[in-house]
Amino acid sequence: EYSYNDLGYELLGRIVTAIASEQKQSAVSFGDVVNELVIDRVREKLPPKQASSLQFFTSDQMEDYQGKTRVKARPDLEATFGKDYKDGSFKSVPSHSYDLSCGGSYTDPESMSKIAFHVLASNPDFSIYKTSETLEVLNSRQVPKRNPDGSPDKQGKTYGFGYESFGHPDYSHLRDHGGLGYGSNSNALVDTKANKAVVVMTAFENLTLPLAYSLIHEEKASEPV
């Protein structure tokens, strides 16, 4: 059985970081671990120019600066996410909830599309996973998605390791993962047969305001909200 929540990833991140620190006999940050196991492996799959422009930072690589969030090593990057949808002000913390889970990261759509593609790719030529055994686990270990009441998901979705899988008639080759936090929503879709990826990033207000208008007025807004 599989129950979706970020707690498992939070715990896994802390375990991996603790093991890495013990092995190297010095404190290793979560950002260092992510770079070694994911980002650097993505860079290996990219042409040099694309590899050098790839950027991804975790919450421990961020800092507060004048009420906004920025990357410690790259103050030139305007990482102005973290906007509170309630009053429009920026949060004083660099992560929406957790230190290690998806909400505390910073990237851009182009980088995210490359990362999502190479993490979720089923083909060993593109995958970041080093062994065929690991990739086989990613490709085969899927469980049916269920509703809160235990009934099967009507769309036939399945959960894999860190992604949802769906598509008709083949419920395995379209892989999806998204994140929702203060200020933004992101979603990545990878077609593992066509070897293509698409990423959508939107401001939180762009999602909530039209929905709120529709619920209040019981009609779709005729003008942008």
Protein backbone atom coordinates (compact mmCIF):
# COMPACT_ATOMS: atom_id res chain seq x y z
CA GLU A 1 0.00 0.00 0.00
CA TYR A 2 1.05 3.58 -0.56
CA SER A 3 -0.13 6.68 1.26
CA TYR A 4 1.04 9.99 -0.17
CA ASN A 5 2.62 12.53 2.16
CA ASP A 6 5.88 14.45 2.45
CA LEU A 7 6.84 12.92 5.80
CA GLY A 8 8.48 9.90 4.17
CA TYR A 9 10.65 12.12 1.98
CA GLU A 10 11.46 14.35 4.94
CA LEU A 11 12.63 11.34 6.95
CA LEU A 12 14.53 9.85 4.00
CA GLY A 13 16.33 13.15 3.43
CA ARG A 14 17.47 13.30 7.05
CA ILE A 15 18.66 9.68 6.97
CA VAL A 16 20.64 10.16 3.75
CA THR A 17 22.21 13.37 5.08
CA ALA A 18 23.15 11.70 8.37
CA ILE A 19 24.77 8.74 6.59
CA ALA A 20 26.69 11.03 4.21
CA SER A 21 27.96 13.11 7.14
CA GLU A 22 29.08 9.99 9.00
CA GLN A 23 30.89 8.61 5.97
CA LYS A 24 32.75 11.86 5.28
CA GLN A 25 33.35 12.57 8.98
CA SER A 26 32.06 16.11 8.56
CA ALA A 27 28.72 17.87 8.30
CA VAL A 28 27.13 17.42 4.90
CA SER A 29 24.18 19.62 3.91
CA PHE A 30 21.06 18.36 2.19
CA GLY A 31 21.93 20.56 -0.78
CA ASP A 32 25.26 18.73 -1.13
CA VAL A 33 23.48 15.37 -1.14
CA VAL A 34 20.92 16.52 -3.74
CA ASN A 35 23.72 17.82 -5.97
CA GLU A 36 25.66 14.55 -5.74
CA LEU A 37 22.75 12.15 -6.22
CA VAL A 38 20.53 14.13 -8.60
CA ILE A 39 21.69 17.46 -10.04
CA ASP A 40 25.26 16.45 -10.98
CA ARG A 41 23.89 13.29 -12.59
CA VAL A 42 21.47 15.38 -14.65
CA ARG A 43 24.38 17.59 -15.72
CA GLU A 44 26.22 14.48 -16.97
CA LYS A 45 23.37 13.89 -19.41
CA LEU A 46 23.39 17.43 -20.82
CA PRO A 47 25.58 19.27 -23.34
CA PRO A 48 28.18 21.48 -21.56
CA LYS A 49 26.34 24.78 -22.14
CA GLN A 50 23.05 23.41 -20.81
CA ALA A 51 24.80 21.72 -17.90
CA SER A 52 26.43 24.97 -16.78
CA SER A 53 23.12 26.85 -16.85
CA LEU A 54 21.24 24.23 -14.80
CA GLN A 55 20.29 25.59 -11.38
CA PHE A 56 18.57 24.01 -8.40
CA PHE A 57 18.88 25.04 -4.76
CA THR A 58 17.45 23.58 -1.56
CA SER A 59 16.25 25.50 1.47
CA ASP A 60 19.55 25.11 3.36
CA GLN A 61 21.23 26.95 0.48
CA MET A 62 18.86 29.90 0.89
CA GLU A 63 18.74 32.85 3.25
CA ASP A 64 16.44 35.69 4.28
CA TYR A 65 17.37 39.09 2.90
CA GLN A 66 15.23 42.14 3.60
CA GLY A 67 12.14 40.02 4.02
CA LYS A 68 12.66 38.00 0.85
CA THR A 69 14.41 34.77 -0.01
CA ARG A 70 17.62 34.53 -1.98
CA VAL A 71 20.30 31.95 -2.79
CA LYS A 72 23.37 32.40 -0.56
CA ALA A 73 25.85 31.65 -3.33
CA ARG A 74 23.89 33.55 -5.99
CA PRO A 75 22.53 36.83 -4.62
CA ASP A 76 22.04 37.95 -8.22
CA LEU A 77 19.20 35.47 -8.64
CA GLU A 78 15.84 36.99 -7.76
CA ALA A 79 14.28 34.09 -5.88
CA THR A 80 11.20 36.04 -4.89
CA PHE A 81 8.98 33.08 -4.17
CA GLY A 82 7.31 32.63 -0.82
CA LYS A 83 4.54 35.20 -1.22
CA ASP A 84 1.71 34.79 1.27
CA TYR A 85 -1.58 34.59 -0.62
CA LYS A 86 -3.45 36.03 2.37
CA ASP A 87 -1.85 39.47 2.56
CA GLY A 88 0.58 39.63 -0.36
CA SER A 89 3.66 39.90 1.85
CA PHE A 90 6.68 37.63 1.67
CA LYS A 91 7.30 34.95 4.24
CA SER A 92 10.31 35.37 6.55
CA VAL A 93 11.40 31.76 6.10
CA PRO A 94 13.09 30.24 3.01
CA SER A 95 10.92 27.12 3.00
CA HIS A 96 7.13 26.86 3.14
CA SER A 97 7.01 23.99 5.62
CA TYR A 98 9.93 21.60 5.65
CA ASP A 99 13.70 21.76 5.45
CA LEU A 100 14.05 18.86 3.07
CA SER A 101 10.88 18.26 1.11
CA CYS A 102 9.78 19.72 -2.20
CA GLY A 103 8.55 23.08 -0.96
CA GLY A 104 11.94 24.50 -0.05
CA SER A 105 13.60 24.37 -3.44
CA TYR A 106 14.35 27.02 -6.05
CA THR A 107 14.72 26.46 -9.79
CA ASP A 108 13.43 27.80 -13.10
CA PRO A 109 11.15 26.13 -15.68
CA GLU A 110 13.97 25.20 -18.08
CA SER A 111 16.09 23.61 -15.35
CA MET A 112 13.09 21.89 -13.83
CA SER A 113 12.10 20.34 -17.16
CA LYS A 114 15.56 18.85 -17.58
CA ILE A 115 15.69 17.57 -14.00
CA ALA A 116 12.18 16.07 -14.18
CA PHE A 117 12.91 14.41 -17.51
CA HIS A 118 16.15 12.72 -16.45
CA VAL A 119 14.78 11.69 -13.04
CA LEU A 120 11.58 10.16 -14.47
CA ALA A 121 12.93 8.84 -17.78
CA SER A 122 12.41 5.11 -18.30
CA ASN A 123 15.21 4.77 -20.87
CA PRO A 124 18.69 4.04 -19.42
CA ASP A 125 20.23 6.39 -22.00
CA PHE A 126 18.48 9.31 -20.30
CA SER A 127 18.00 8.15 -16.70
CA ILE A 128 20.17 9.43 -13.84
CA TYR A 129 20.09 6.00 -12.19
CA LYS A 130 23.39 4.19 -12.50
CA THR A 131 22.27 0.55 -12.49
CA SER A 132 19.67 -1.30 -14.52
CA GLU A 133 18.31 -2.82 -11.31
CA THR A 134 17.49 0.60 -9.84
CA LEU A 135 15.85 1.74 -13.06
CA GLU A 136 13.81 -1.47 -13.20
CA VAL A 137 12.42 -0.69 -9.73
CA LEU A 138 11.44 2.79 -10.89
CA ASN A 139 9.74 1.37 -13.99
CA SER A 140 7.89 -1.53 -12.41
CA ARG A 141 7.05 -0.86 -8.76
CA GLN A 142 3.75 0.95 -9.07
CA VAL A 143 0.66 0.64 -6.91
CA PRO A 144 -2.91 1.74 -7.73
CA LYS A 145 -3.91 5.16 -6.48
CA ARG A 146 -6.88 5.12 -4.12
CA ASN A 147 -9.32 7.74 -2.90
CA PRO A 148 -9.48 8.69 0.81
CA ASP A 149 -12.35 6.22 1.28
CA GLY A 150 -10.23 3.39 -0.10
CA SER A 151 -11.96 3.10 -3.46
CA PRO A 152 -9.82 2.90 -6.65
CA ASP A 153 -9.04 6.13 -8.48
CA LYS A 154 -11.49 6.43 -11.40
CA GLN A 155 -8.76 7.73 -13.73
CA GLY A 156 -6.72 4.60 -13.14
CA LYS A 157 -3.71 6.49 -11.82
CA THR A 158 -0.88 4.66 -10.12
CA TYR A 159 1.84 5.78 -7.73
CA GLY A 160 5.49 5.06 -8.44
CA PHE A 161 8.54 6.27 -6.54
CA GLY A 162 7.87 9.99 -6.28
CA TYR A 163 5.51 10.31 -9.21
CA GLU A 164 1.99 9.66 -10.45
CA SER A 165 1.60 7.59 -13.58
CA PHE A 166 -1.35 7.86 -15.92
CA GLY A 167 -2.46 7.83 -19.53
CA HIS A 168 -4.88 5.85 -21.67
CA PRO A 169 -4.66 3.06 -22.70
CA ASP A 170 -1.20 2.71 -21.14
CA TYR A 171 -1.15 3.81 -17.50
CA SER A 172 2.62 3.69 -17.21
CA HIS A 173 4.41 5.91 -19.68
CA LEU A 174 3.07 9.36 -18.68
CA ARG A 175 4.69 10.38 -15.39
CA ASP A 176 3.74 13.43 -13.41
CA HIS A 177 4.84 15.24 -10.27
CA GLY A 178 3.81 18.62 -8.92
CA GLY A 179 4.32 20.86 -5.92
CA LEU A 180 2.17 23.50 -4.28
CA GLY A 181 3.44 26.00 -1.74
CA TYR A 182 3.28 29.67 -0.76
CA GLY A 183 3.39 31.78 -3.87
CA SER A 184 3.62 29.19 -6.62
CA ASN A 185 2.51 25.93 -8.14
CA SER A 186 4.61 23.72 -10.37
CA ASN A 187 3.86 20.59 -12.30
CA ALA A 188 6.08 18.38 -14.48
CA LEU A 189 4.84 15.83 -17.02
CA VAL A 190 7.21 13.37 -18.69
CA ASP A 191 6.29 11.20 -21.66
CA THR A 192 8.66 8.26 -21.32
CA LYS A 193 7.87 6.90 -24.79
CA ALA A 194 8.26 10.11 -26.77
CA ASN A 195 11.10 11.17 -24.42
CA LYS A 196 9.67 14.64 -23.89
CA ALA A 197 8.96 16.74 -20.82
CA VAL A 198 6.80 19.77 -20.14
CA VAL A 199 6.81 21.94 -17.01
CA VAL A 200 4.18 24.46 -15.95
CA MET A 201 4.86 27.09 -13.28
CA THR A 202 2.24 29.59 -12.18
CA ALA A 203 1.88 32.21 -9.50
CA PHE A 204 -0.36 31.07 -6.66
CA GLU A 205 -2.68 34.03 -7.18
CA ASN A 206 -3.24 32.99 -10.79
CA LEU A 207 -4.74 29.76 -9.54
CA THR A 208 -6.72 30.89 -6.52
CA LEU A 209 -8.25 34.19 -7.60
CA PRO A 210 -10.25 32.88 -10.60
CA LEU A 211 -11.40 29.93 -8.52
CA ALA A 212 -12.43 32.18 -5.64
CA TYR A 213 -14.34 34.46 -8.05
CA SER A 214 -16.18 31.49 -9.56
CA LEU A 215 -17.16 30.13 -6.16
CA ILE A 216 -18.36 33.51 -4.87
CA HIS A 217 -20.22 34.66 -7.98
CA GLU A 218 -21.22 31.19 -9.24
CA GLU A 219 -19.97 32.11 -12.69
CA LYS A 220 -16.69 32.20 -14.58
CA ALA A 221 -14.95 35.58 -14.68
CA SER A 222 -15.24 37.28 -18.07
CA GLU A 223 -12.12 39.38 -17.47
CA PRO A 224 -8.76 38.46 -15.90
CA VAL A 225 -8.88 38.57 -12.11
